[in-house]
Amino acid sequence: MIRFHLASVLKKKGWTPYRLSQETGLTVPTAYRLADPKLEFGRFTADTLDRLCAALEVQPGDLLEYVPTRSRKRRG
């Protein structure tokens, strides 16, 4: 499972999702959806990740964390 830490990064910077949308060019609904720590997101593009990293001046690892789950079987 991938955990998304955008909400905590925004809080540390004192940014709102609205400001995030202004800085990144993402739509306001998208910024709010991505910033909601309770919502699980399906996917987003590398372009979105690039915009977030550039605007927030962070590395992808500051936003994303891989947490292994026992229920998943490895493909191979």
C-alpha atoms as a PDB file:
ATOM      1  CA  MET A   1       0.000   0.000   0.000  1.00  0.00           C
ATOM      2  CA  ILE A   2       1.202   3.509  -0.754  1.00  0.00           C
ATOM      3  CA  ARG A   3       0.638   6.172   1.895  1.00  0.00           C
ATOM      4  CA  PHE A   4       0.416   9.729   0.699  1.00  0.00           C
ATOM      5  CA  HIS A   5       1.745  12.395   3.086  1.00  0.00           C
ATOM      6  CA  LEU A   6       0.647  15.515   1.235  1.00  0.00           C
ATOM      7  CA  ALA A   7      -1.604  16.706   4.076  1.00  0.00           C
ATOM      8  CA  SER A   8       1.259  16.734   6.570  1.00  0.00           C
ATOM      9  CA  VAL A   9       3.603  18.470   4.111  1.00  0.00           C
ATOM     10  CA  LEU A  10       0.988  21.160   3.472  1.00  0.00           C
ATOM     11  CA  LYS A  11       0.461  21.623   7.212  1.00  0.00           C
ATOM     12  CA  LYS A  12       4.214  22.054   7.808  1.00  0.00           C
ATOM     13  CA  LYS A  13       4.354  24.701   5.077  1.00  0.00           C
ATOM     14  CA  GLY A  14       1.187  26.425   6.246  1.00  0.00           C
ATOM     15  CA  TRP A  15      -0.444  25.916   2.847  1.00  0.00           C
ATOM     16  CA  THR A  16      -4.077  25.226   2.076  1.00  0.00           C
ATOM     17  CA  PRO A  17      -5.212  22.983  -0.757  1.00  0.00           C
ATOM     18  CA  TYR A  18      -6.400  26.145  -2.503  1.00  0.00           C
ATOM     19  CA  ARG A  19      -2.880  27.595  -2.432  1.00  0.00           C
ATOM     20  CA  LEU A  20      -1.561  24.254  -3.664  1.00  0.00           C
ATOM     21  CA  SER A  21      -3.890  24.473  -6.652  1.00  0.00           C
ATOM     22  CA  GLN A  22      -2.685  28.003  -7.393  1.00  0.00           C
ATOM     23  CA  GLU A  23       0.991  27.030  -7.163  1.00  0.00           C
ATOM     24  CA  THR A  24       0.722  23.804  -9.180  1.00  0.00           C
ATOM     25  CA  GLY A  25      -1.990  24.517 -11.727  1.00  0.00           C
ATOM     26  CA  LEU A  26      -4.017  21.562 -10.453  1.00  0.00           C
ATOM     27  CA  THR A  27      -7.747  22.108 -10.245  1.00  0.00           C
ATOM     28  CA  VAL A  28      -9.101  23.133  -6.864  1.00  0.00           C
ATOM     29  CA  PRO A  29     -11.138  19.901  -6.460  1.00  0.00           C
ATOM     30  CA  THR A  30      -8.066  17.808  -7.307  1.00  0.00           C
ATOM     31  CA  ALA A  31      -5.906  19.675  -4.786  1.00  0.00           C
ATOM     32  CA  TYR A  32      -8.516  19.222  -2.054  1.00  0.00           C
ATOM     33  CA  ARG A  33      -8.944  15.541  -2.879  1.00  0.00           C
ATOM     34  CA  LEU A  34      -5.196  14.883  -2.825  1.00  0.00           C
ATOM     35  CA  ALA A  35      -4.785  16.820   0.433  1.00  0.00           C
ATOM     36  CA  ASP A  36      -7.509  14.911   2.299  1.00  0.00           C
ATOM     37  CA  PRO A  37      -5.678  12.370   4.502  1.00  0.00           C
ATOM     38  CA  LYS A  38      -8.844  10.276   4.935  1.00  0.00           C
ATOM     39  CA  LEU A  39      -9.403   9.654   1.238  1.00  0.00           C
ATOM     40  CA  GLU A  40      -7.647   6.896  -0.624  1.00  0.00           C
ATOM     41  CA  PHE A  41      -6.593   7.865  -4.109  1.00  0.00           C
ATOM     42  CA  GLY A  42      -6.377   5.503  -7.013  1.00  0.00           C
ATOM     43  CA  ARG A  43      -3.655   6.964  -9.151  1.00  0.00           C
ATOM     44  CA  PHE A  44      -2.092  10.136 -10.377  1.00  0.00           C
ATOM     45  CA  THR A  45       0.382  10.914 -13.100  1.00  0.00           C
ATOM     46  CA  ALA A  46       4.088  11.553 -12.943  1.00  0.00           C
ATOM     47  CA  ASP A  47       3.249  15.080 -14.100  1.00  0.00           C
ATOM     48  CA  THR A  48       1.127  15.629 -10.987  1.00  0.00           C
ATOM     49  CA  LEU A  49       3.925  14.299  -8.766  1.00  0.00           C
ATOM     50  CA  ASP A  50       6.391  16.566 -10.570  1.00  0.00           C
ATOM     51  CA  ARG A  51       4.154  19.604 -10.016  1.00  0.00           C
ATOM     52  CA  LEU A  52       3.738  18.788  -6.326  1.00  0.00           C
ATOM     53  CA  CYS A  53       7.469  18.295  -5.770  1.00  0.00           C
ATOM     54  CA  ALA A  54       8.394  21.473  -7.637  1.00  0.00           C
ATOM     55  CA  ALA A  55       5.844  23.672  -5.875  1.00  0.00           C
ATOM     56  CA  LEU A  56       6.488  22.272  -2.399  1.00  0.00           C
ATOM     57  CA  GLU A  57      10.263  21.918  -2.917  1.00  0.00           C
ATOM     58  CA  VAL A  58      10.258  18.299  -1.744  1.00  0.00           C
ATOM     59  CA  GLN A  59      11.390  14.928  -3.063  1.00  0.00           C
ATOM     60  CA  PRO A  60       8.871  12.217  -4.047  1.00  0.00           C
ATOM     61  CA  GLY A  61       9.897  10.253  -0.955  1.00  0.00           C
ATOM     62  CA  ASP A  62       8.677  13.126   1.209  1.00  0.00           C
ATOM     63  CA  LEU A  63       5.180  12.616  -0.206  1.00  0.00           C
ATOM     64  CA  LEU A  64       4.998   8.851  -0.749  1.00  0.00           C
ATOM     65  CA  GLU A  65       5.668   5.907   1.538  1.00  0.00           C
ATOM     66  CA  TYR A  66       5.406   2.224   0.652  1.00  0.00           C
ATOM     67  CA  VAL A  67       3.917   0.111   3.434  1.00  0.00           C
ATOM     68  CA  PRO A  68       3.932  -3.627   2.732  1.00  0.00           C
ATOM     69  CA  THR A  69       0.716  -5.532   3.316  1.00  0.00           C
ATOM     70  CA  ARG A  70       0.595  -9.220   4.091  1.00  0.00           C
ATOM     71  CA  SER A  71      -2.451  -9.894   1.947  1.00  0.00           C
ATOM     72  CA  ARG A  72      -0.730  -9.172  -1.377  1.00  0.00           C
ATOM     73  CA  LYS A  73       0.902 -11.987  -3.265  1.00  0.00           C
ATOM     74  CA  ARG A  74       3.979 -11.266  -5.302  1.00  0.00           C
ATOM     75  CA  ARG A  75       3.771 -11.656  -9.039  1.00  0.00           C
ATOM     76  CA  GLY A  76       6.509 -13.503 -10.666  1.00  0.00           C
END
